[in-house]
PDB file of N, CA and C in Angstrom:
ATOM      1  N   MET A   1     -25.322   2.312   3.361  1.00  0.00           N
ATOM      2  CA  MET A   1     -25.685   2.205   4.839  1.00  0.00           C
ATOM      3  C   MET A   1     -26.053   0.686   4.932  1.00  0.00           C
ATOM      4  N   LEU A   2     -27.205   0.395   5.458  1.00  0.00           N
ATOM      5  CA  LEU A   2     -27.633  -0.897   5.570  1.00  0.00           C
ATOM      6  C   LEU A   2     -27.692  -1.846   4.348  1.00  0.00           C
ATOM      7  N   GLY A   3     -27.256  -3.010   4.625  1.00  0.00           N
ATOM      8  CA  GLY A   3     -27.298  -4.052   3.500  1.00  0.00           C
ATOM      9  C   GLY A   3     -26.045  -3.962   2.599  1.00  0.00           C
ATOM     10  N   GLN A   4     -25.123  -3.203   2.782  1.00  0.00           N
ATOM     11  CA  GLN A   4     -23.994  -3.012   1.938  1.00  0.00           C
ATOM     12  C   GLN A   4     -22.932  -4.196   2.187  1.00  0.00           C
ATOM     13  N   ALA A   5     -22.199  -4.687   1.286  1.00  0.00           N
ATOM     14  CA  ALA A   5     -21.212  -5.650   1.550  1.00  0.00           C
ATOM     15  C   ALA A   5     -20.290  -5.091   2.378  1.00  0.00           C
ATOM     16  N   ALA A   6     -19.807  -6.013   3.279  1.00  0.00           N
ATOM     17  CA  ALA A   6     -18.659  -5.602   4.460  1.00  0.00           C
ATOM     18  C   ALA A   6     -17.521  -6.436   4.356  1.00  0.00           C
ATOM     19  N   GLU A   7     -16.462  -5.809   4.820  1.00  0.00           N
ATOM     20  CA  GLU A   7     -15.102  -6.519   4.691  1.00  0.00           C
ATOM     21  C   GLU A   7     -14.392  -6.215   6.181  1.00  0.00           C
ATOM     22  N   VAL A   8     -13.922  -7.149   6.737  1.00  0.00           N
ATOM     23  CA  VAL A   8     -13.165  -7.024   8.003  1.00  0.00           C
ATOM     24  C   VAL A   8     -11.780  -7.068   7.869  1.00  0.00           C
ATOM     25  N   THR A   9     -11.043  -5.918   8.391  1.00  0.00           N
ATOM     26  CA  THR A   9      -9.566  -5.727   8.008  1.00  0.00           C
ATOM     27  C   THR A   9      -8.998  -5.235   9.422  1.00  0.00           C
ATOM     28  N   LEU A  10      -7.584  -5.394   9.400  1.00  0.00           N
ATOM     29  CA  LEU A  10      -6.901  -4.777  10.552  1.00  0.00           C
ATOM     30  C   LEU A  10      -6.973  -3.421  10.367  1.00  0.00           C
ATOM     31  N   VAL A  11      -6.902  -2.616  11.487  1.00  0.00           N
ATOM     32  CA  VAL A  11      -6.997  -1.200  11.321  1.00  0.00           C
ATOM     33  C   VAL A  11      -5.584  -0.633  11.813  1.00  0.00           C
ATOM     34  N   SER A  12      -4.961   0.104  11.054  1.00  0.00           N
ATOM     35  CA  SER A  12      -3.708   0.894  11.362  1.00  0.00           C
ATOM     36  C   SER A  12      -3.941   1.945  12.355  1.00  0.00           C
ATOM     37  N   GLY A  13      -2.730   2.319  12.899  1.00  0.00           N
ATOM     38  CA  GLY A  13      -2.822   3.465  14.071  1.00  0.00           C
ATOM     39  C   GLY A  13      -3.358   4.676  13.238  1.00  0.00           C
ATOM     40  N   GLY A  14      -3.062   5.091  12.082  1.00  0.00           N
ATOM     41  CA  GLY A  14      -3.584   6.269  11.677  1.00  0.00           C
ATOM     42  C   GLY A  14      -5.245   6.396  11.453  1.00  0.00           C
ATOM     43  N   ASP A  15      -5.760   5.117  11.406  1.00  0.00           N
ATOM     44  CA  ASP A  15      -7.231   5.079  11.047  1.00  0.00           C
ATOM     45  C   ASP A  15      -7.945   5.016  12.421  1.00  0.00           C
ATOM     46  N   GLU A  16      -7.227   4.729  13.503  1.00  0.00           N
ATOM     47  CA  GLU A  16      -7.983   4.434  14.742  1.00  0.00           C
ATOM     48  C   GLU A  16      -7.864   5.689  15.696  1.00  0.00           C
ATOM     49  N   SER A  17      -8.992   5.887  16.335  1.00  0.00           N
ATOM     50  CA  SER A  17      -9.059   7.240  17.122  1.00  0.00           C
ATOM     51  C   SER A  17     -10.077   6.991  18.330  1.00  0.00           C
ATOM     52  N   ALA A  18      -9.811   7.915  19.263  1.00  0.00           N
ATOM     53  CA  ALA A  18     -10.704   7.827  20.369  1.00  0.00           C
ATOM     54  C   ALA A  18     -12.299   8.234  19.774  1.00  0.00           C
ATOM     55  N   GLY A  19     -12.305   9.186  18.835  1.00  0.00           N
ATOM     56  CA  GLY A  19     -13.551   9.555  18.264  1.00  0.00           C
ATOM     57  C   GLY A  19     -14.174   8.534  17.557  1.00  0.00           C
ATOM     58  N   LEU A  20     -13.541   7.749  16.722  1.00  0.00           N
ATOM     59  CA  LEU A  20     -14.137   6.417  16.037  1.00  0.00           C
ATOM     60  C   LEU A  20     -14.763   5.402  17.122  1.00  0.00           C
ATOM     61  N   TRP A  21     -13.740   5.200  18.214  1.00  0.00           N
ATOM     62  CA  TRP A  21     -14.507   4.277  19.262  1.00  0.00           C
ATOM     63  C   TRP A  21     -15.736   4.736  19.930  1.00  0.00           C
ATOM     64  N   ALA A  22     -15.640   6.122  20.270  1.00  0.00           N
ATOM     65  CA  ALA A  22     -16.810   6.883  20.813  1.00  0.00           C
ATOM     66  C   ALA A  22     -18.098   6.695  20.095  1.00  0.00           C
ATOM     67  N   THR A  23     -17.849   6.927  18.839  1.00  0.00           N
ATOM     68  CA  THR A  23     -19.061   6.958  17.896  1.00  0.00           C
ATOM     69  C   THR A  23     -19.465   5.629  17.635  1.00  0.00           C
ATOM     70  N   ALA A  24     -18.680   4.680  17.506  1.00  0.00           N
ATOM     71  CA  ALA A  24     -19.128   3.069  17.304  1.00  0.00           C
ATOM     72  C   ALA A  24     -19.763   2.542  18.622  1.00  0.00           C
ATOM     73  N   PHE A  25     -19.471   2.971  19.681  1.00  0.00           N
ATOM     74  CA  PHE A  25     -20.212   2.504  20.743  1.00  0.00           C
ATOM     75  C   PHE A  25     -21.228   3.553  21.485  1.00  0.00           C
ATOM     76  N   SER A  26     -21.265   4.627  20.847  1.00  0.00           N
ATOM     77  CA  SER A  26     -22.214   5.596  21.415  1.00  0.00           C
ATOM     78  C   SER A  26     -23.778   4.954  21.492  1.00  0.00           C
ATOM     79  N   GLY A  27     -24.243   5.270  22.722  1.00  0.00           N
ATOM     80  CA  GLY A  27     -25.671   4.798  22.987  1.00  0.00           C
ATOM     81  C   GLY A  27     -25.741   3.363  23.433  1.00  0.00           C
ATOM     82  N   GLN A  28     -24.623   2.736  23.531  1.00  0.00           N
ATOM     83  CA  GLN A  28     -24.543   1.236  23.810  1.00  0.00           C
ATOM     84  C   GLN A  28     -24.310   1.061  25.237  1.00  0.00           C
ATOM     85  N   TRP A  29     -25.179   0.526  26.098  1.00  0.00           N
ATOM     86  CA  TRP A  29     -24.919   0.351  27.450  1.00  0.00           C
ATOM     87  C   TRP A  29     -23.703  -0.343  27.781  1.00  0.00           C
ATOM     88  N   GLY A  30     -22.948   0.171  28.830  1.00  0.00           N
ATOM     89  CA  GLY A  30     -21.715  -0.448  29.325  1.00  0.00           C
ATOM     90  C   GLY A  30     -20.512   0.000  28.808  1.00  0.00           C
ATOM     91  N   HIS A  31     -20.574   1.056  27.829  1.00  0.00           N
ATOM     92  CA  HIS A  31     -19.328   1.384  27.096  1.00  0.00           C
ATOM     93  C   HIS A  31     -19.113   2.957  27.524  1.00  0.00           C
ATOM     94  N   LYS A  32     -17.920   3.196  27.668  1.00  0.00           N
ATOM     95  CA  LYS A  32     -17.428   4.482  27.874  1.00  0.00           C
ATOM     96  C   LYS A  32     -16.334   5.102  26.970  1.00  0.00           C
ATOM     97  N   GLN A  33     -16.107   6.356  26.979  1.00  0.00           N
ATOM     98  CA  GLN A  33     -15.013   6.786  26.189  1.00  0.00           C
ATOM     99  C   GLN A  33     -13.716   6.736  27.144  1.00  0.00           C
ATOM    100  N   PRO A  34     -12.648   6.234  26.476  1.00  0.00           N
ATOM    101  CA  PRO A  34     -11.300   6.174  27.261  1.00  0.00           C
ATOM    102  C   PRO A  34     -10.793   7.356  27.864  1.00  0.00           C
ATOM    103  N   ALA A  35     -10.205   7.359  28.943  1.00  0.00           N
ATOM    104  CA  ALA A  35      -9.687   8.739  29.571  1.00  0.00           C
ATOM    105  C   ALA A  35      -8.543   9.075  28.800  1.00  0.00           C
ATOM    106  N   GLY A  36      -7.724   8.221  28.213  1.00  0.00           N
ATOM    107  CA  GLY A  36      -6.503   8.710  27.546  1.00  0.00           C
ATOM    108  C   GLY A  36      -6.485   7.968  26.131  1.00  0.00           C
ATOM    109  N   TRP A  37      -5.787   8.391  25.178  1.00  0.00           N
ATOM    110  CA  TRP A  37      -5.670   7.804  23.936  1.00  0.00           C
ATOM    111  C   TRP A  37      -4.262   7.765  23.583  1.00  0.00           C
ATOM    112  N   PRO A  38      -3.677   6.547  23.144  1.00  0.00           N
ATOM    113  CA  PRO A  38      -4.315   5.228  22.969  1.00  0.00           C
ATOM    114  C   PRO A  38      -4.515   4.577  24.279  1.00  0.00           C
ATOM    115  N   PRO A  39      -5.426   3.852  24.410  1.00  0.00           N
ATOM    116  CA  PRO A  39      -5.643   3.059  25.897  1.00  0.00           C
ATOM    117  C   PRO A  39      -4.574   2.095  25.951  1.00  0.00           C
ATOM    118  N   GLY A  40      -4.129   1.727  27.116  1.00  0.00           N
ATOM    119  CA  GLY A  40      -3.260   0.712  27.449  1.00  0.00           C
ATOM    120  C   GLY A  40      -3.714  -0.626  27.187  1.00  0.00           C
ATOM    121  N   LEU A  41      -3.186  -1.367  26.270  1.00  0.00           N
ATOM    122  CA  LEU A  41      -3.921  -2.787  25.876  1.00  0.00           C
ATOM    123  C   LEU A  41      -2.621  -3.843  26.132  1.00  0.00           C
ATOM    124  N   PRO A  42      -3.050  -5.074  26.335  1.00  0.00           N
ATOM    125  CA  PRO A  42      -2.185  -6.160  26.395  1.00  0.00           C
ATOM    126  C   PRO A  42      -1.369  -6.236  25.114  1.00  0.00           C
ATOM    127  N   PRO A  43      -0.137  -6.649  25.101  1.00  0.00           N
ATOM    128  CA  PRO A  43       0.724  -6.936  23.982  1.00  0.00           C
ATOM    129  C   PRO A  43      -0.101  -7.896  22.985  1.00  0.00           C
ATOM    130  N   GLY A  44       0.045  -7.744  21.749  1.00  0.00           N
ATOM    131  CA  GLY A  44      -0.590  -8.644  20.656  1.00  0.00           C
ATOM    132  C   GLY A  44      -2.135  -8.293  20.504  1.00  0.00           C
ATOM    133  N   THR A  45      -2.691  -7.224  21.084  1.00  0.00           N
ATOM    134  CA  THR A  45      -4.117  -6.829  20.874  1.00  0.00           C
ATOM    135  C   THR A  45      -4.014  -6.024  19.730  1.00  0.00           C
ATOM    136  N   ARG A  46      -4.974  -6.374  18.668  1.00  0.00           N
ATOM    137  CA  ARG A  46      -5.272  -5.714  17.433  1.00  0.00           C
ATOM    138  C   ARG A  46      -6.467  -5.081  17.490  1.00  0.00           C
ATOM    139  N   THR A  47      -6.674  -4.121  16.609  1.00  0.00           N
ATOM    140  CA  THR A  47      -8.144  -3.599  16.192  1.00  0.00           C
ATOM    141  C   THR A  47      -8.512  -3.953  14.787  1.00  0.00           C
ATOM    142  N   LEU A  48      -9.668  -4.656  14.805  1.00  0.00           N
ATOM    143  CA  LEU A  48     -10.419  -5.195  13.554  1.00  0.00           C
ATOM    144  C   LEU A  48     -11.568  -4.050  13.273  1.00  0.00           C
ATOM    145  N   GLY A  49     -11.488  -3.773  11.961  1.00  0.00           N
ATOM    146  CA  GLY A  49     -12.394  -2.664  11.442  1.00  0.00           C
ATOM    147  C   GLY A  49     -13.410  -3.337  10.432  1.00  0.00           C
ATOM    148  N   LEU A  50     -14.547  -2.947  10.515  1.00  0.00           N
ATOM    149  CA  LEU A  50     -15.596  -3.473   9.487  1.00  0.00           C
ATOM    150  C   LEU A  50     -15.673  -2.226   8.605  1.00  0.00           C
ATOM    151  N   ARG A  51     -15.483  -2.587   7.414  1.00  0.00           N
ATOM    152  CA  ARG A  51     -15.530  -1.527   6.351  1.00  0.00           C
ATOM    153  C   ARG A  51     -16.565  -1.781   5.262  1.00  0.00           C
ATOM    154  N   ARG A  52     -17.267  -0.601   4.981  1.00  0.00           N
ATOM    155  CA  ARG A  52     -18.157  -0.709   3.903  1.00  0.00           C
ATOM    156  C   ARG A  52     -17.874   0.430   2.904  1.00  0.00           C
ATOM    157  N   ASP A  53     -17.687   0.099   1.769  1.00  0.00           N
ATOM    158  CA  ASP A  53     -17.229   1.070   0.583  1.00  0.00           C
ATOM    159  C   ASP A  53     -16.015   1.733   1.073  1.00  0.00           C
ATOM    160  N   GLY A  54     -15.095   1.108   1.747  1.00  0.00           N
ATOM    161  CA  GLY A  54     -13.852   1.648   2.255  1.00  0.00           C
ATOM    162  C   GLY A  54     -13.814   2.499   3.339  1.00  0.00           C
ATOM    163  N   THR A  55     -15.003   2.741   4.016  1.00  0.00           N
ATOM    164  CA  THR A  55     -15.150   3.558   5.223  1.00  0.00           C
ATOM    165  C   THR A  55     -15.297   2.627   6.468  1.00  0.00           C
ATOM    166  N   ILE A  56     -14.476   2.763   7.592  1.00  0.00           N
ATOM    167  CA  ILE A  56     -14.608   2.020   8.784  1.00  0.00           C
ATOM    168  C   ILE A  56     -15.893   2.420   9.415  1.00  0.00           C
ATOM    169  N   VAL A  57     -16.830   1.387   9.611  1.00  0.00           N
ATOM    170  CA  VAL A  57     -18.091   1.600  10.195  1.00  0.00           C
ATOM    171  C   VAL A  57     -18.297   0.917  11.381  1.00  0.00           C
ATOM    172  N   GLY A  58     -17.310   0.052  11.670  1.00  0.00           N
ATOM    173  CA  GLY A  58     -17.280  -0.601  13.173  1.00  0.00           C
ATOM    174  C   GLY A  58     -15.941  -1.083  13.676  1.00  0.00           C
ATOM    175  N   VAL A  59     -15.798  -1.331  14.774  1.00  0.00           N
ATOM    176  CA  VAL A  59     -14.408  -1.669  15.420  1.00  0.00           C
ATOM    177  C   VAL A  59     -14.522  -2.783  16.398  1.00  0.00           C
ATOM    178  N   CYS A  60     -13.593  -3.612  16.471  1.00  0.00           N
ATOM    179  CA  CYS A  60     -13.614  -4.462  17.877  1.00  0.00           C
ATOM    180  C   CYS A  60     -12.032  -4.840  18.053  1.00  0.00           C
ATOM    181  N   ARG A  61     -11.771  -5.450  19.208  1.00  0.00           N
ATOM    182  CA  ARG A  61     -10.365  -5.790  19.555  1.00  0.00           C
ATOM    183  C   ARG A  61     -10.329  -7.262  19.251  1.00  0.00           C
ATOM    184  N   PHE A  62      -9.008  -7.710  19.027  1.00  0.00           N
ATOM    185  CA  PHE A  62      -8.794  -9.049  18.873  1.00  0.00           C
ATOM    186  C   PHE A  62      -7.530  -9.239  19.750  1.00  0.00           C
ATOM    187  N   SER A  63      -7.431 -10.308  20.503  1.00  0.00           N
ATOM    188  CA  SER A  63      -6.248 -10.744  21.404  1.00  0.00           C
ATOM    189  C   SER A  63      -5.606 -11.826  20.725  1.00  0.00           C
ATOM    190  N   SER A  64      -4.316 -11.702  20.144  1.00  0.00           N
ATOM    191  CA  SER A  64      -3.679 -13.001  19.597  1.00  0.00           C
ATOM    192  C   SER A  64      -3.256 -13.861  20.737  1.00  0.00           C
ATOM    193  N   ALA A  65      -3.152 -13.477  21.942  1.00  0.00           N
ATOM    194  CA  ALA A  65      -2.798 -14.275  23.151  1.00  0.00           C
ATOM    195  C   ALA A  65      -3.836 -15.263  23.446  1.00  0.00           C
ATOM    196  N   THR A  66      -5.102 -14.697  23.301  1.00  0.00           N
ATOM    197  CA  THR A  66      -6.204 -15.778  23.717  1.00  0.00           C
ATOM    198  C   THR A  66      -7.143 -16.191  22.529  1.00  0.00           C
ATOM    199  N   GLY A  67      -6.995 -15.474  21.419  1.00  0.00           N
ATOM    200  CA  GLY A  67      -7.850 -15.846  20.296  1.00  0.00           C
ATOM    201  C   GLY A  67      -9.253 -15.175  20.453  1.00  0.00           C
ATOM    202  N   MET A  68      -9.422 -14.325  21.375  1.00  0.00           N
ATOM    203  CA  MET A  68     -10.783 -13.814  21.647  1.00  0.00           C
ATOM    204  C   MET A  68     -11.167 -12.543  20.812  1.00  0.00           C
ATOM    205  N   ILE A  69     -12.216 -12.360  20.358  1.00  0.00           N
ATOM    206  CA  ILE A  69     -12.725 -11.038  19.540  1.00  0.00           C
ATOM    207  C   ILE A  69     -13.760 -10.521  20.371  1.00  0.00           C
ATOM    208  N   ALA A  70     -13.496  -9.225  20.915  1.00  0.00           N
ATOM    209  CA  ALA A  70     -14.535  -8.440  21.658  1.00  0.00           C
ATOM    210  C   ALA A  70     -15.568  -8.094  20.898  1.00  0.00           C
ATOM    211  N   ALA A  71     -16.731  -7.849  21.527  1.00  0.00           N
ATOM    212  CA  ALA A  71     -18.068  -7.536  20.827  1.00  0.00           C
ATOM    213  C   ALA A  71     -17.862  -6.200  19.975  1.00  0.00           C
ATOM    214  N   PRO A  72     -18.255  -6.300  18.724  1.00  0.00           N
ATOM    215  CA  PRO A  72     -18.038  -5.033  17.902  1.00  0.00           C
ATOM    216  C   PRO A  72     -18.994  -3.758  18.253  1.00  0.00           C
ATOM    217  N   GLY A  73     -18.420  -2.624  18.082  1.00  0.00           N
ATOM    218  CA  GLY A  73     -19.184  -1.473  18.192  1.00  0.00           C
ATOM    219  C   GLY A  73     -19.377  -0.858  16.739  1.00  0.00           C
ATOM    220  N   LEU A  74     -20.657  -0.603  16.353  1.00  0.00           N
ATOM    221  CA  LEU A  74     -20.900  -0.006  14.889  1.00  0.00           C
ATOM    222  C   LEU A  74     -21.495   1.355  14.935  1.00  0.00           C
ATOM    223  N   ILE A  75     -21.132   2.047  14.195  1.00  0.00           N
ATOM    224  CA  ILE A  75     -21.750   3.353  13.882  1.00  0.00           C
ATOM    225  C   ILE A  75     -23.190   3.391  13.721  1.00  0.00           C
ATOM    226  N   ALA A  76     -24.004   4.256  14.349  1.00  0.00           N
ATOM    227  CA  ALA A  76     -25.340   4.007  14.490  1.00  0.00           C
ATOM    228  C   ALA A  76     -26.104   3.619  13.194  1.00  0.00           C
ATOM    229  N   GLY A  77     -25.837   4.195  12.042  1.00  0.00           N
ATOM    230  CA  GLY A  77     -26.521   4.002  10.949  1.00  0.00           C
ATOM    231  C   GLY A  77     -26.190   2.623  10.179  1.00  0.00           C
ATOM    232  N   TYR A  78     -25.243   1.849  10.895  1.00  0.00           N
ATOM    233  CA  TYR A  78     -24.759   0.558  10.376  1.00  0.00           C
ATOM    234  C   TYR A  78     -25.029  -0.526  11.204  1.00  0.00           C
ATOM    235  N   ARG A  79     -25.918  -0.368  12.270  1.00  0.00           N
ATOM    236  CA  ARG A  79     -26.147  -1.388  13.245  1.00  0.00           C
ATOM    237  C   ARG A  79     -27.214  -2.194  12.671  1.00  0.00           C
ATOM    238  N   ASP A  80     -26.806  -3.116  11.914  1.00  0.00           N
ATOM    239  CA  ASP A  80     -27.637  -4.165  11.297  1.00  0.00           C
ATOM    240  C   ASP A  80     -27.260  -5.570  11.582  1.00  0.00           C
ATOM    241  N   GLU A  81     -27.867  -6.492  11.345  1.00  0.00           N
ATOM    242  CA  GLU A  81     -27.406  -7.942  11.632  1.00  0.00           C
ATOM    243  C   GLU A  81     -26.064  -8.245  10.812  1.00  0.00           C
ATOM    244  N   GLN A  82     -26.092  -7.784   9.723  1.00  0.00           N
ATOM    245  CA  GLN A  82     -24.876  -8.078   8.886  1.00  0.00           C
ATOM    246  C   GLN A  82     -23.513  -7.464   9.429  1.00  0.00           C
ATOM    247  N   GLY A  83     -23.710  -6.486   9.897  1.00  0.00           N
ATOM    248  CA  GLY A  83     -22.609  -5.762  10.736  1.00  0.00           C
ATOM    249  C   GLY A  83     -22.142  -6.521  11.941  1.00  0.00           C
ATOM    250  N   TYR A  84     -23.052  -6.949  12.658  1.00  0.00           N
ATOM    251  CA  TYR A  84     -22.649  -7.678  13.913  1.00  0.00           C
ATOM    252  C   TYR A  84     -22.131  -9.132  13.584  1.00  0.00           C
ATOM    253  N   LEU A  85     -22.661  -9.757  12.567  1.00  0.00           N
ATOM    254  CA  LEU A  85     -22.207 -11.084  12.210  1.00  0.00           C
ATOM    255  C   LEU A  85     -20.943 -11.008  11.354  1.00  0.00           C
ATOM    256  N   SER A  86     -20.457  -9.922  10.891  1.00  0.00           N
ATOM    257  CA  SER A  86     -19.238  -9.880  10.119  1.00  0.00           C
ATOM    258  C   SER A  86     -18.117  -9.897  11.070  1.00  0.00           C
ATOM    259  N   CYS A  87     -18.276  -9.331  12.238  1.00  0.00           N
ATOM    260  CA  CYS A  87     -17.031  -9.230  13.095  1.00  0.00           C
ATOM    261  C   CYS A  87     -16.752 -10.467  13.867  1.00  0.00           C
TER     262      CYS A  87
END
């Protein structure tokens, strides 16, 4: 959990789900569960995953068109400084 080494990777469709996103942003102000899955996203949008010991513990979106990375959502037990700075 806290303090483990982290790796940022692209998340494939099979690893991404509405449940993962809901868990990563649970309890964080301003976030809601999408009405449908997968959500409609602009072309070139990718999901980045923060992995610890091979498990995805955080997610965020990356736009190749703008180069912007959205604020990450981390599963509650992994919400530490290292997790937020890794994304």
